[in-house]
């Protein structure tokens, strides 16, 4: 497979995954429910989504960890589960991707604003 950066310098184009949230909702994720917790509570559904992207021709897939930061997970009372949730997200996507596809860690915004002093740089 090689390193993704090496392949990019050779003008390789990659197809990736897409709407994880939409597909999780189609599998039963309810409004207000934590999508990242599904890595632990519904791993079969999460890996089905990851595998579907690979089967559709994706060269790389993301992890189900877009909102996996301490700041986002604390809204669900899960800030003590950051490592467990993100590790499971990586394990699931790696299992679906196999050795011939890349896995990218998905990291979304924290919802906190550094410039306003809402959070410190060291906390981020």
PDB file of N, CA and C in Angstrom:
ATOM      1  N   UNK A   1       0.829  -1.193   0.000  1.00  0.00           N
ATOM      2  CA  UNK A   1       0.000   0.000   0.000  1.00  0.00           C
ATOM      3  C   UNK A   1       0.871   1.253   0.000  1.00  0.00           C
ATOM      4  N   UNK A   2       1.903   1.305   0.812  1.00  0.00           N
ATOM      5  CA  UNK A   2       2.770   2.466   0.860  1.00  0.00           C
ATOM      6  C   UNK A   2       2.199   3.577   1.724  1.00  0.00           C
ATOM      7  N   UNK A   3       2.917   4.670   1.757  1.00  0.00           N
ATOM      8  CA  UNK A   3       2.472   5.837   2.524  1.00  0.00           C
ATOM      9  C   UNK A   3       1.567   6.696   1.652  1.00  0.00           C
ATOM     10  N   UNK A   4       0.538   7.220   2.241  1.00  0.00           N
ATOM     11  CA  UNK A   4      -0.407   8.025   1.476  1.00  0.00           C
ATOM     12  C   UNK A   4       0.265   9.273   0.908  1.00  0.00           C
ATOM     13  N   UNK A   5       1.193   9.865   1.653  1.00  0.00           N
ATOM     14  CA  UNK A   5       1.869  11.067   1.163  1.00  0.00           C
ATOM     15  C   UNK A   5       2.726  10.761  -0.060  1.00  0.00           C
ATOM     16  N   UNK A   6       3.352   9.600  -0.091  1.00  0.00           N
ATOM     17  CA  UNK A   6       4.141   9.213  -1.261  1.00  0.00           C
ATOM     18  C   UNK A   6       3.245   9.040  -2.484  1.00  0.00           C
ATOM     19  N   UNK A   7       2.107   8.415  -2.287  1.00  0.00           N
ATOM     20  CA  UNK A   7       1.175   8.205  -3.395  1.00  0.00           C
ATOM     21  C   UNK A   7       0.586   9.527  -3.890  1.00  0.00           C
ATOM     22  N   UNK A   8       0.351  10.450  -2.991  1.00  0.00           N
ATOM     23  CA  UNK A   8      -0.194  11.754  -3.392  1.00  0.00           C
ATOM     24  C   UNK A   8       0.795  12.539  -4.242  1.00  0.00           C
ATOM     25  N   UNK A   9       2.072  12.440  -3.942  1.00  0.00           N
ATOM     26  CA  UNK A   9       3.066  13.152  -4.739  1.00  0.00           C
ATOM     27  C   UNK A   9       3.177  12.590  -6.148  1.00  0.00           C
ATOM     28  N   UNK A  10       2.672  11.391  -6.350  1.00  0.00           N
ATOM     29  CA  UNK A  10       2.671  10.779  -7.682  1.00  0.00           C
ATOM     30  C   UNK A  10       1.350  11.049  -8.396  1.00  0.00           C
ATOM     31  N   UNK A  11       0.609  12.039  -7.911  1.00  0.00           N
ATOM     32  CA  UNK A  11      -0.669  12.457  -8.509  1.00  0.00           C
ATOM     33  C   UNK A  11      -1.717  11.357  -8.463  1.00  0.00           C
ATOM     34  N   UNK A  12      -1.648  10.509  -7.461  1.00  0.00           N
ATOM     35  CA  UNK A  12      -2.675   9.478  -7.276  1.00  0.00           C
ATOM     36  C   UNK A  12      -3.929  10.143  -6.734  1.00  0.00           C
ATOM     37  N   UNK A  13      -5.054   9.765  -7.265  1.00  0.00           N
ATOM     38  CA  UNK A  13      -6.332  10.267  -6.774  1.00  0.00           C
ATOM     39  C   UNK A  13      -6.979   9.185  -5.930  1.00  0.00           C
ATOM     40  N   UNK A  14      -7.633   9.607  -4.885  1.00  0.00           N
ATOM     41  CA  UNK A  14      -8.254   8.664  -3.966  1.00  0.00           C
ATOM     42  C   UNK A  14      -9.743   8.931  -3.848  1.00  0.00           C
ATOM     43  N   UNK A  15     -10.503   7.862  -3.742  1.00  0.00           N
ATOM     44  CA  UNK A  15     -11.926   7.973  -3.413  1.00  0.00           C
ATOM     45  C   UNK A  15     -12.052   7.688  -1.919  1.00  0.00           C
ATOM     46  N   UNK A  16     -12.892   8.471  -1.263  1.00  0.00           N
ATOM     47  CA  UNK A  16     -13.070   8.305   0.173  1.00  0.00           C
ATOM     48  C   UNK A  16     -14.530   8.040   0.502  1.00  0.00           C
ATOM     49  N   UNK A  17     -14.810   7.964   1.787  1.00  0.00           N
ATOM     50  CA  UNK A  17     -16.168   7.738   2.248  1.00  0.00           C
ATOM     51  C   UNK A  17     -16.938   9.054   2.279  1.00  0.00           C
ATOM     52  N   UNK A  18     -18.127   9.019   2.869  1.00  0.00           N
ATOM     53  CA  UNK A  18     -18.951  10.217   2.861  1.00  0.00           C
ATOM     54  C   UNK A  18     -19.753  10.421   4.119  1.00  0.00           C
ATOM     55  N   UNK A  19     -21.031  10.320   4.021  1.00  0.00           N
ATOM     56  CA  UNK A  19     -21.974  10.758   5.047  1.00  0.00           C
ATOM     57  C   UNK A  19     -22.183   9.734   6.156  1.00  0.00           C
ATOM     58  N   UNK A  20     -21.226   9.628   7.059  1.00  0.00           N
ATOM     59  CA  UNK A  20     -21.343   8.688   8.173  1.00  0.00           C
ATOM     60  C   UNK A  20     -22.598   8.947   8.996  1.00  0.00           C
ATOM     61  N   UNK A  21     -22.834  10.198   9.344  1.00  0.00           N
ATOM     62  CA  UNK A  21     -23.991  10.526  10.178  1.00  0.00           C
ATOM     63  C   UNK A  21     -25.308  10.114   9.547  1.00  0.00           C
ATOM     64  N   UNK A  22     -25.444  10.363   8.268  1.00  0.00           N
ATOM     65  CA  UNK A  22     -26.661   9.996   7.554  1.00  0.00           C
ATOM     66  C   UNK A  22     -26.861   8.486   7.562  1.00  0.00           C
ATOM     67  N   UNK A  23     -25.777   7.747   7.348  1.00  0.00           N
ATOM     68  CA  UNK A  23     -25.892   6.283   7.335  1.00  0.00           C
ATOM     69  C   UNK A  23     -26.142   5.724   8.738  1.00  0.00           C
ATOM     70  N   UNK A  24     -25.570   6.341   9.752  1.00  0.00           N
ATOM     71  CA  UNK A  24     -25.869   5.920  11.125  1.00  0.00           C
ATOM     72  C   UNK A  24     -27.346   6.164  11.448  1.00  0.00           C
ATOM     73  N   UNK A  25     -27.874   7.289  10.998  1.00  0.00           N
ATOM     74  CA  UNK A  25     -29.295   7.574  11.204  1.00  0.00           C
ATOM     75  C   UNK A  25     -30.155   6.533  10.495  1.00  0.00           C
ATOM     76  N   UNK A  26     -29.750   6.145   9.306  1.00  0.00           N
ATOM     77  CA  UNK A  26     -30.502   5.130   8.564  1.00  0.00           C
ATOM     78  C   UNK A  26     -30.495   3.788   9.300  1.00  0.00           C
ATOM     79  N   UNK A  27     -29.473   3.565  10.124  1.00  0.00           N
ATOM     80  CA  UNK A  27     -29.384   2.327  10.900  1.00  0.00           C
ATOM     81  C   UNK A  27     -30.038   2.451  12.274  1.00  0.00           C
ATOM     82  N   UNK A  28     -30.584   3.643  12.586  1.00  0.00           N
ATOM     83  CA  UNK A  28     -31.321   3.784  13.835  1.00  0.00           C
ATOM     84  C   UNK A  28     -30.815   4.819  14.812  1.00  0.00           C
ATOM     85  N   UNK A  29     -29.724   5.511  14.508  1.00  0.00           N
ATOM     86  CA  UNK A  29     -29.253   6.575  15.390  1.00  0.00           C
ATOM     87  C   UNK A  29     -30.343   7.636  15.520  1.00  0.00           C
ATOM     88  N   UNK A  30     -30.711   7.940  16.750  1.00  0.00           N
ATOM     89  CA  UNK A  30     -31.786   8.903  16.997  1.00  0.00           C
ATOM     90  C   UNK A  30     -31.240  10.310  17.191  1.00  0.00           C
ATOM     91  N   UNK A  31     -32.049  11.334  16.920  1.00  0.00           N
ATOM     92  CA  UNK A  31     -31.626  12.711  17.174  1.00  0.00           C
ATOM     93  C   UNK A  31     -31.203  12.875  18.633  1.00  0.00           C
ATOM     94  N   UNK A  32     -30.077  13.529  18.846  1.00  0.00           N
ATOM     95  CA  UNK A  32     -29.579  13.753  20.189  1.00  0.00           C
ATOM     96  C   UNK A  32     -28.733  12.629  20.746  1.00  0.00           C
ATOM     97  N   UNK A  33     -28.654  11.520  20.032  1.00  0.00           N
ATOM     98  CA  UNK A  33     -27.844  10.382  20.461  1.00  0.00           C
ATOM     99  C   UNK A  33     -26.399  10.593  19.993  1.00  0.00           C
ATOM    100  N   UNK A  34     -25.444  10.084  20.731  1.00  0.00           N
ATOM    101  CA  UNK A  34     -24.024  10.238  20.410  1.00  0.00           C
ATOM    102  C   UNK A  34     -23.596   9.232  19.335  1.00  0.00           C
ATOM    103  N   UNK A  35     -23.257   9.710  18.126  1.00  0.00           N
ATOM    104  CA  UNK A  35     -22.846   8.796  17.054  1.00  0.00           C
ATOM    105  C   UNK A  35     -21.589   8.004  17.390  1.00  0.00           C
ATOM    106  N   UNK A  36     -20.661   8.638  18.094  1.00  0.00           N
ATOM    107  CA  UNK A  36     -19.398   7.979  18.403  1.00  0.00           C
ATOM    108  C   UNK A  36     -19.573   6.844  19.418  1.00  0.00           C
ATOM    109  N   UNK A  37     -20.569   6.944  20.282  1.00  0.00           N
ATOM    110  CA  UNK A  37     -20.814   5.872  21.246  1.00  0.00           C
ATOM    111  C   UNK A  37     -21.217   4.584  20.532  1.00  0.00           C
ATOM    112  N   UNK A  38     -21.764   4.712  19.334  1.00  0.00           N
ATOM    113  CA  UNK A  38     -22.139   3.529  18.559  1.00  0.00           C
ATOM    114  C   UNK A  38     -20.936   2.621  18.284  1.00  0.00           C
ATOM    115  N   UNK A  39     -19.724   3.152  18.321  1.00  0.00           N
ATOM    116  CA  UNK A  39     -18.535   2.308  18.153  1.00  0.00           C
ATOM    117  C   UNK A  39     -18.510   1.216  19.209  1.00  0.00           C
ATOM    118  N   UNK A  40     -19.023   1.519  20.382  1.00  0.00           N
ATOM    119  CA  UNK A  40     -19.026   0.581  21.499  1.00  0.00           C
ATOM    120  C   UNK A  40     -20.360  -0.158  21.601  1.00  0.00           C
ATOM    121  N   UNK A  41     -21.459   0.567  21.417  1.00  0.00           N
ATOM    122  CA  UNK A  41     -22.778  -0.040  21.618  1.00  0.00           C
ATOM    123  C   UNK A  41     -23.346  -0.730  20.385  1.00  0.00           C
ATOM    124  N   UNK A  42     -22.931  -0.322  19.195  1.00  0.00           N
ATOM    125  CA  UNK A  42     -23.435  -0.886  17.936  1.00  0.00           C
ATOM    126  C   UNK A  42     -22.292  -1.114  16.944  1.00  0.00           C
ATOM    127  N   UNK A  43     -21.232  -1.820  17.346  1.00  0.00           N
ATOM    128  CA  UNK A  43     -20.083  -1.966  16.441  1.00  0.00           C
ATOM    129  C   UNK A  43     -20.420  -2.673  15.135  1.00  0.00           C
ATOM    130  N   UNK A  44     -21.416  -3.560  15.155  1.00  0.00           N
ATOM    131  CA  UNK A  44     -21.781  -4.273  13.920  1.00  0.00           C
ATOM    132  C   UNK A  44     -22.309  -3.301  12.869  1.00  0.00           C
ATOM    133  N   UNK A  45     -23.131  -2.350  13.298  1.00  0.00           N
ATOM    134  CA  UNK A  45     -23.677  -1.370  12.362  1.00  0.00           C
ATOM    135  C   UNK A  45     -22.585  -0.440  11.844  1.00  0.00           C
ATOM    136  N   UNK A  46     -21.667  -0.057  12.718  1.00  0.00           N
ATOM    137  CA  UNK A  46     -20.582   0.846  12.313  1.00  0.00           C
ATOM    138  C   UNK A  46     -19.673   0.163  11.298  1.00  0.00           C
ATOM    139  N   UNK A  47     -19.320  -1.090  11.534  1.00  0.00           N
ATOM    140  CA  UNK A  47     -18.441  -1.774  10.580  1.00  0.00           C
ATOM    141  C   UNK A  47     -19.167  -2.051   9.264  1.00  0.00           C
ATOM    142  N   UNK A  48     -20.471  -2.249   9.306  1.00  0.00           N
ATOM    143  CA  UNK A  48     -21.232  -2.415   8.059  1.00  0.00           C
ATOM    144  C   UNK A  48     -21.122  -1.164   7.197  1.00  0.00           C
ATOM    145  N   UNK A  49     -21.182  -0.003   7.814  1.00  0.00           N
ATOM    146  CA  UNK A  49     -21.041   1.255   7.068  1.00  0.00           C
ATOM    147  C   UNK A  49     -19.644   1.356   6.483  1.00  0.00           C
ATOM    148  N   UNK A  50     -18.632   1.093   7.299  1.00  0.00           N
ATOM    149  CA  UNK A  50     -17.253   1.161   6.820  1.00  0.00           C
ATOM    150  C   UNK A  50     -17.017   0.194   5.663  1.00  0.00           C
ATOM    151  N   UNK A  51     -17.510  -1.026   5.806  1.00  0.00           N
ATOM    152  CA  UNK A  51     -17.342  -2.024   4.737  1.00  0.00           C
ATOM    153  C   UNK A  51     -18.077  -1.618   3.468  1.00  0.00           C
ATOM    154  N   UNK A  52     -19.235  -1.006   3.625  1.00  0.00           N
ATOM    155  CA  UNK A  52     -20.001  -0.572   2.453  1.00  0.00           C
ATOM    156  C   UNK A  52     -19.206   0.445   1.631  1.00  0.00           C
ATOM    157  N   UNK A  53     -18.492   1.335   2.311  1.00  0.00           N
ATOM    158  CA  UNK A  53     -17.660   2.299   1.578  1.00  0.00           C
ATOM    159  C   UNK A  53     -16.528   1.597   0.838  1.00  0.00           C
ATOM    160  N   UNK A  54     -15.899   0.634   1.475  1.00  0.00           N
ATOM    161  CA  UNK A  54     -14.823  -0.123   0.815  1.00  0.00           C
ATOM    162  C   UNK A  54     -15.386  -0.874  -0.387  1.00  0.00           C
ATOM    163  N   UNK A  55     -16.518  -1.539  -0.193  1.00  0.00           N
ATOM    164  CA  UNK A  55     -17.144  -2.292  -1.291  1.00  0.00           C
ATOM    165  C   UNK A  55     -17.586  -1.384  -2.432  1.00  0.00           C
ATOM    166  N   UNK A  56     -17.879  -0.133  -2.119  1.00  0.00           N
ATOM    167  CA  UNK A  56     -18.288   0.825  -3.151  1.00  0.00           C
ATOM    168  C   UNK A  56     -17.090   1.396  -3.907  1.00  0.00           C
ATOM    169  N   UNK A  57     -15.871   1.044  -3.459  1.00  0.00           N
ATOM    170  CA  UNK A  57     -14.679   1.472  -4.188  1.00  0.00           C
ATOM    171  C   UNK A  57     -13.822   2.511  -3.495  1.00  0.00           C
ATOM    172  N   UNK A  58     -14.098   2.816  -2.234  1.00  0.00           N
ATOM    173  CA  UNK A  58     -13.272   3.789  -1.516  1.00  0.00           C
ATOM    174  C   UNK A  58     -11.850   3.257  -1.342  1.00  0.00           C
ATOM    175  N   UNK A  59     -10.877   4.138  -1.536  1.00  0.00           N
ATOM    176  CA  UNK A  59      -9.477   3.803  -1.285  1.00  0.00           C
ATOM    177  C   UNK A  59      -9.138   4.014   0.187  1.00  0.00           C
ATOM    178  N   UNK A  60      -9.929   4.857   0.839  1.00  0.00           N
ATOM    179  CA  UNK A  60      -9.695   5.184   2.239  1.00  0.00           C
ATOM    180  C   UNK A  60     -11.030   5.472   2.913  1.00  0.00           C
ATOM    181  N   UNK A  61     -11.076   5.171   4.193  1.00  0.00           N
ATOM    182  CA  UNK A  61     -12.272   5.467   4.969  1.00  0.00           C
ATOM    183  C   UNK A  61     -11.864   6.177   6.252  1.00  0.00           C
ATOM    184  N   UNK A  62     -12.794   6.935   6.780  1.00  0.00           N
ATOM    185  CA  UNK A  62     -12.555   7.619   8.039  1.00  0.00           C
ATOM    186  C   UNK A  62     -12.993   6.742   9.206  1.00  0.00           C
ATOM    187  N   UNK A  63     -12.650   7.198  10.381  1.00  0.00           N
ATOM    188  CA  UNK A  63     -13.134   6.569  11.599  1.00  0.00           C
ATOM    189  C   UNK A  63     -14.418   7.276  12.019  1.00  0.00           C
ATOM    190  N   UNK A  64     -15.266   6.593  12.739  1.00  0.00           N
ATOM    191  CA  UNK A  64     -16.486   7.191  13.278  1.00  0.00           C
ATOM    192  C   UNK A  64     -16.122   7.922  14.566  1.00  0.00           C
ATOM    193  N   UNK A  65     -15.382   9.026  14.396  1.00  0.00           N
ATOM    194  CA  UNK A  65     -14.865   9.757  15.555  1.00  0.00           C
ATOM    195  C   UNK A  65     -14.928  11.274  15.375  1.00  0.00           C
ATOM    196  N   UNK A  66     -15.766  11.750  14.471  1.00  0.00           N
ATOM    197  CA  UNK A  66     -15.843  13.185  14.184  1.00  0.00           C
ATOM    198  C   UNK A  66     -16.055  14.005  15.453  1.00  0.00           C
ATOM    199  N   UNK A  67     -16.943  13.563  16.324  1.00  0.00           N
ATOM    200  CA  UNK A  67     -17.215  14.260  17.583  1.00  0.00           C
ATOM    201  C   UNK A  67     -16.561  13.573  18.760  1.00  0.00           C
ATOM    202  N   UNK A  68     -15.428  12.929  18.546  1.00  0.00           N
ATOM    203  CA  UNK A  68     -14.788  12.139  19.586  1.00  0.00           C
ATOM    204  C   UNK A  68     -13.863  12.893  20.518  1.00  0.00           C
ATOM    205  N   UNK A  69     -13.962  14.217  20.550  1.00  0.00           N
ATOM    206  CA  UNK A  69     -13.116  14.976  21.474  1.00  0.00           C
ATOM    207  C   UNK A  69     -13.743  15.016  22.868  1.00  0.00           C
ATOM    208  N   UNK A  70     -12.929  15.301  23.843  1.00  0.00           N
ATOM    209  CA  UNK A  70     -13.418  15.435  25.220  1.00  0.00           C
ATOM    210  C   UNK A  70     -14.512  16.491  25.298  1.00  0.00           C
ATOM    211  N   UNK A  71     -14.347  17.565  24.539  1.00  0.00           N
ATOM    212  CA  UNK A  71     -15.300  18.674  24.587  1.00  0.00           C
ATOM    213  C   UNK A  71     -16.665  18.280  24.041  1.00  0.00           C
ATOM    214  N   UNK A  72     -16.679  17.518  22.976  1.00  0.00           N
ATOM    215  CA  UNK A  72     -17.954  17.065  22.402  1.00  0.00           C
ATOM    216  C   UNK A  72     -18.574  15.943  23.224  1.00  0.00           C
ATOM    217  N   UNK A  73     -17.751  15.005  23.658  1.00  0.00           N
ATOM    218  CA  UNK A  73     -18.271  13.861  24.390  1.00  0.00           C
ATOM    219  C   UNK A  73     -18.795  14.226  25.779  1.00  0.00           C
ATOM    220  N   UNK A  74     -18.308  15.332  26.342  1.00  0.00           N
ATOM    221  CA  UNK A  74     -18.812  15.726  27.664  1.00  0.00           C
ATOM    222  C   UNK A  74     -20.289  16.107  27.617  1.00  0.00           C
ATOM    223  N   UNK A  75     -20.788  16.512  26.465  1.00  0.00           N
ATOM    224  CA  UNK A  75     -22.222  16.807  26.313  1.00  0.00           C
ATOM    225  C   UNK A  75     -23.080  15.567  26.571  1.00  0.00           C
ATOM    226  N   UNK A  76     -22.483  14.406  26.379  1.00  0.00           N
ATOM    227  CA  UNK A  76     -23.195  13.136  26.571  1.00  0.00           C
ATOM    228  C   UNK A  76     -22.780  12.441  27.869  1.00  0.00           C
ATOM    229  N   UNK A  77     -21.955  13.126  28.676  1.00  0.00           N
ATOM    230  CA  UNK A  77     -21.447  12.520  29.897  1.00  0.00           C
ATOM    231  C   UNK A  77     -20.426  11.437  29.619  1.00  0.00           C
ATOM    232  N   UNK A  78     -19.747  11.542  28.482  1.00  0.00           N
ATOM    233  CA  UNK A  78     -18.811  10.505  28.049  1.00  0.00           C
ATOM    234  C   UNK A  78     -17.370  10.987  27.983  1.00  0.00           C
ATOM    235  N   UNK A  79     -17.053  12.112  28.611  1.00  0.00           N
ATOM    236  CA  UNK A  79     -15.702  12.642  28.520  1.00  0.00           C
ATOM    237  C   UNK A  79     -14.660  11.713  29.147  1.00  0.00           C
ATOM    238  N   UNK A  80     -15.089  10.770  29.970  1.00  0.00           N
ATOM    239  CA  UNK A  80     -14.168   9.788  30.526  1.00  0.00           C
ATOM    240  C   UNK A  80     -13.975   8.592  29.596  1.00  0.00           C
ATOM    241  N   UNK A  81     -14.655   8.586  28.452  1.00  0.00           N
ATOM    242  CA  UNK A  81     -14.591   7.470  27.499  1.00  0.00           C
ATOM    243  C   UNK A  81     -13.917   7.861  26.182  1.00  0.00           C
ATOM    244  N   UNK A  82     -13.240   9.011  26.148  1.00  0.00           N
ATOM    245  CA  UNK A  82     -12.640   9.506  24.904  1.00  0.00           C
ATOM    246  C   UNK A  82     -11.715   8.462  24.281  1.00  0.00           C
ATOM    247  N   UNK A  83     -10.799   7.930  25.063  1.00  0.00           N
ATOM    248  CA  UNK A  83      -9.838   6.965  24.528  1.00  0.00           C
ATOM    249  C   UNK A  83     -10.542   5.704  24.033  1.00  0.00           C
ATOM    250  N   UNK A  84     -11.432   5.161  24.839  1.00  0.00           N
ATOM    251  CA  UNK A  84     -12.128   3.919  24.475  1.00  0.00           C
ATOM    252  C   UNK A  84     -12.929   4.080  23.190  1.00  0.00           C
ATOM    253  N   UNK A  85     -13.658   5.184  23.077  1.00  0.00           N
ATOM    254  CA  UNK A  85     -14.500   5.427  21.905  1.00  0.00           C
ATOM    255  C   UNK A  85     -13.652   5.588  20.650  1.00  0.00           C
ATOM    256  N   UNK A  86     -12.576   6.368  20.743  1.00  0.00           N
ATOM    257  CA  UNK A  86     -11.741   6.609  19.571  1.00  0.00           C
ATOM    258  C   UNK A  86     -10.908   5.397  19.185  1.00  0.00           C
ATOM    259  N   UNK A  87     -10.449   4.654  20.165  1.00  0.00           N
ATOM    260  CA  UNK A  87      -9.720   3.422  19.862  1.00  0.00           C
ATOM    261  C   UNK A  87     -10.625   2.429  19.143  1.00  0.00           C
ATOM    262  N   UNK A  88     -11.843   2.288  19.616  1.00  0.00           N
ATOM    263  CA  UNK A  88     -12.795   1.377  18.968  1.00  0.00           C
ATOM    264  C   UNK A  88     -13.116   1.859  17.552  1.00  0.00           C
ATOM    265  N   UNK A  89     -13.241   3.168  17.375  1.00  0.00           N
ATOM    266  CA  UNK A  89     -13.492   3.718  16.032  1.00  0.00           C
ATOM    267  C   UNK A  89     -12.367   3.327  15.074  1.00  0.00           C
ATOM    268  N   UNK A  90     -11.132   3.450  15.537  1.00  0.00           N
ATOM    269  CA  UNK A  90      -9.980   3.096  14.702  1.00  0.00           C
ATOM    270  C   UNK A  90      -9.948   1.596  14.417  1.00  0.00           C
ATOM    271  N   UNK A  91     -10.225   0.788  15.427  1.00  0.00           N
ATOM    272  CA  UNK A  91     -10.225  -0.669  15.249  1.00  0.00           C
ATOM    273  C   UNK A  91     -11.277  -1.098  14.228  1.00  0.00           C
ATOM    274  N   UNK A  92     -12.450  -0.504  14.307  1.00  0.00           N
ATOM    275  CA  UNK A  92     -13.529  -0.857  13.384  1.00  0.00           C
ATOM    276  C   UNK A  92     -13.162  -0.498  11.948  1.00  0.00           C
ATOM    277  N   UNK A  93     -12.701   0.721  11.738  1.00  0.00           N
ATOM    278  CA  UNK A  93     -12.357   1.131  10.369  1.00  0.00           C
ATOM    279  C   UNK A  93     -11.173   0.349   9.833  1.00  0.00           C
ATOM    280  N   UNK A  94     -10.200   0.045  10.687  1.00  0.00           N
ATOM    281  CA  UNK A  94      -9.046  -0.742  10.233  1.00  0.00           C
ATOM    282  C   UNK A  94      -9.496  -2.145   9.841  1.00  0.00           C
ATOM    283  N   UNK A  95     -10.394  -2.739  10.606  1.00  0.00           N
ATOM    284  CA  UNK A  95     -10.893  -4.076  10.274  1.00  0.00           C
ATOM    285  C   UNK A  95     -11.628  -4.065   8.945  1.00  0.00           C
ATOM    286  N   UNK A  96     -12.391  -3.024   8.693  1.00  0.00           N
ATOM    287  CA  UNK A  96     -13.140  -2.928   7.440  1.00  0.00           C
ATOM    288  C   UNK A  96     -12.219  -2.640   6.263  1.00  0.00           C
ATOM    289  N   UNK A  97     -11.195  -1.850   6.488  1.00  0.00           N
ATOM    290  CA  UNK A  97     -10.310  -1.415   5.402  1.00  0.00           C
ATOM    291  C   UNK A  97      -9.340  -2.497   4.952  1.00  0.00           C
ATOM    292  N   UNK A  98      -8.998  -3.395   5.837  1.00  0.00           N
ATOM    293  CA  UNK A  98      -8.004  -4.396   5.486  1.00  0.00           C
ATOM    294  C   UNK A  98      -6.640  -3.764   5.257  1.00  0.00           C
ATOM    295  N   UNK A  99      -5.772  -4.483   4.584  1.00  0.00           N
ATOM    296  CA  UNK A  99      -4.401  -4.002   4.380  1.00  0.00           C
ATOM    297  C   UNK A  99      -4.223  -3.171   3.117  1.00  0.00           C
ATOM    298  N   UNK A 100      -5.241  -3.136   2.265  1.00  0.00           N
ATOM    299  CA  UNK A 100      -5.090  -2.455   0.982  1.00  0.00           C
ATOM    300  C   UNK A 100      -5.739  -1.071   0.930  1.00  0.00           C
ATOM    301  N   UNK A 101      -6.311  -0.639   2.044  1.00  0.00           N
ATOM    302  CA  UNK A 101      -6.995   0.646   2.077  1.00  0.00           C
ATOM    303  C   UNK A 101      -6.517   1.464   3.267  1.00  0.00           C
ATOM    304  N   UNK A 102      -6.550   2.767   3.110  1.00  0.00           N
ATOM    305  CA  UNK A 102      -6.126   3.667   4.173  1.00  0.00           C
ATOM    306  C   UNK A 102      -7.268   3.945   5.142  1.00  0.00           C
ATOM    307  N   UNK A 103      -6.906   4.252   6.387  1.00  0.00           N
ATOM    308  CA  UNK A 103      -7.858   4.685   7.404  1.00  0.00           C
ATOM    309  C   UNK A 103      -7.411   6.061   7.873  1.00  0.00           C
ATOM    310  N   UNK A 104      -8.342   6.996   7.859  1.00  0.00           N
ATOM    311  CA  UNK A 104      -8.071   8.363   8.301  1.00  0.00           C
ATOM    312  C   UNK A 104      -8.845   8.644   9.581  1.00  0.00           C
ATOM    313  N   UNK A 105      -8.164   9.195  10.560  1.00  0.00           N
ATOM    314  CA  UNK A 105      -8.849   9.569  11.794  1.00  0.00           C
ATOM    315  C   UNK A 105      -9.671  10.828  11.563  1.00  0.00           C
ATOM    316  N   UNK A 106     -10.953  10.756  11.833  1.00  0.00           N
ATOM    317  CA  UNK A 106     -11.844  11.894  11.645  1.00  0.00           C
ATOM    318  C   UNK A 106     -11.879  12.715  12.931  1.00  0.00           C
ATOM    319  N   UNK A 107     -11.544  14.005  12.823  1.00  0.00           N
ATOM    320  CA  UNK A 107     -11.524  14.895  13.969  1.00  0.00           C
ATOM    321  C   UNK A 107     -12.299  16.155  13.603  1.00  0.00           C
ATOM    322  N   UNK A 108     -13.431  16.336  14.242  1.00  0.00           N
ATOM    323  CA  UNK A 108     -14.255  17.504  13.969  1.00  0.00           C
ATOM    324  C   UNK A 108     -13.946  18.649  14.920  1.00  0.00           C
ATOM    325  N   UNK A 109     -14.654  19.746  14.781  1.00  0.00           N
ATOM    326  CA  UNK A 109     -14.436  20.897  15.655  1.00  0.00           C
ATOM    327  C   UNK A 109     -14.864  20.583  17.089  1.00  0.00           C
ATOM    328  N   UNK A 110     -14.258  21.287  18.025  1.00  0.00           N
ATOM    329  CA  UNK A 110     -14.572  21.066  19.436  1.00  0.00           C
ATOM    330  C   UNK A 110     -15.830  21.798  19.880  1.00  0.00           C
ATOM    331  N   UNK A 111     -16.186  22.845  19.151  1.00  0.00           N
ATOM    332  CA  UNK A 111     -17.308  23.666  19.580  1.00  0.00           C
ATOM    333  C   UNK A 111     -16.869  24.746  20.563  1.00  0.00           C
ATOM    334  N   UNK A 112     -15.583  24.793  20.871  1.00  0.00           N
ATOM    335  CA  UNK A 112     -15.022  25.790  21.794  1.00  0.00           C
ATOM    336  C   UNK A 112     -14.197  26.787  21.001  1.00  0.00           C
ATOM    337  N   UNK A 113     -14.214  28.052  21.444  1.00  0.00           N
ATOM    338  CA  UNK A 113     -13.508  29.107  20.713  1.00  0.00           C
ATOM    339  C   UNK A 113     -12.322  29.603  21.528  1.00  0.00           C
ATOM    340  N   UNK A 114     -11.135  29.383  20.998  1.00  0.00           N
ATOM    341  CA  UNK A 114      -9.895  29.771  21.640  1.00  0.00           C
ATOM    342  C   UNK A 114      -9.789  31.293  21.774  1.00  0.00           C
ATOM    343  N   UNK A 115     -10.146  32.025  20.714  1.00  0.00           N
ATOM    344  CA  UNK A 115      -9.992  33.487  20.682  1.00  0.00           C
ATOM    345  C   UNK A 115     -10.800  34.209  21.756  1.00  0.00           C
ATOM    346  N   UNK A 116     -11.915  33.643  22.155  1.00  0.00           N
ATOM    347  CA  UNK A 116     -12.764  34.304  23.148  1.00  0.00           C
ATOM    348  C   UNK A 116     -12.389  33.923  24.573  1.00  0.00           C
ATOM    349  N   UNK A 117     -11.431  33.014  24.725  1.00  0.00           N
ATOM    350  CA  UNK A 117     -11.024  32.576  26.045  1.00  0.00           C
ATOM    351  C   UNK A 117     -11.927  31.494  26.620  1.00  0.00           C
ATOM    352  N   UNK A 118     -12.819  30.981  25.789  1.00  0.00           N
ATOM    353  CA  UNK A 118     -13.732  29.927  26.232  1.00  0.00           C
ATOM    354  C   UNK A 118     -12.967  28.666  26.638  1.00  0.00           C
ATOM    355  N   UNK A 119     -11.793  28.505  26.039  1.00  0.00           N
ATOM    356  CA  UNK A 119     -10.945  27.352  26.300  1.00  0.00           C
ATOM    357  C   UNK A 119      -9.509  27.790  26.113  1.00  0.00           C
ATOM    358  N   UNK A 120      -8.599  27.157  26.819  1.00  0.00           N
ATOM    359  CA  UNK A 120      -7.192  27.517  26.664  1.00  0.00           C
ATOM    360  C   UNK A 120      -6.541  26.656  25.580  1.00  0.00           C
ATOM    361  N   UNK A 121      -5.427  27.151  25.064  1.00  0.00           N
ATOM    362  CA  UNK A 121      -4.702  26.400  24.043  1.00  0.00           C
ATOM    363  C   UNK A 121      -4.223  25.062  24.597  1.00  0.00           C
ATOM    364  N   UNK A 122      -3.779  25.043  25.849  1.00  0.00           N
ATOM    365  CA  UNK A 122      -3.301  23.788  26.434  1.00  0.00           C
ATOM    366  C   UNK A 122      -4.454  22.782  26.606  1.00  0.00           C
ATOM    367  N   UNK A 123      -5.656  23.268  26.913  1.00  0.00           N
ATOM    368  CA  UNK A 123      -6.802  22.370  27.019  1.00  0.00           C
ATOM    369  C   UNK A 123      -7.158  21.767  25.657  1.00  0.00           C
ATOM    370  N   UNK A 124      -7.063  22.599  24.617  1.00  0.00           N
ATOM    371  CA  UNK A 124      -7.328  22.068  23.280  1.00  0.00           C
ATOM    372  C   UNK A 124      -6.275  21.060  22.904  1.00  0.00           C
TER     373      UNK A 124
END
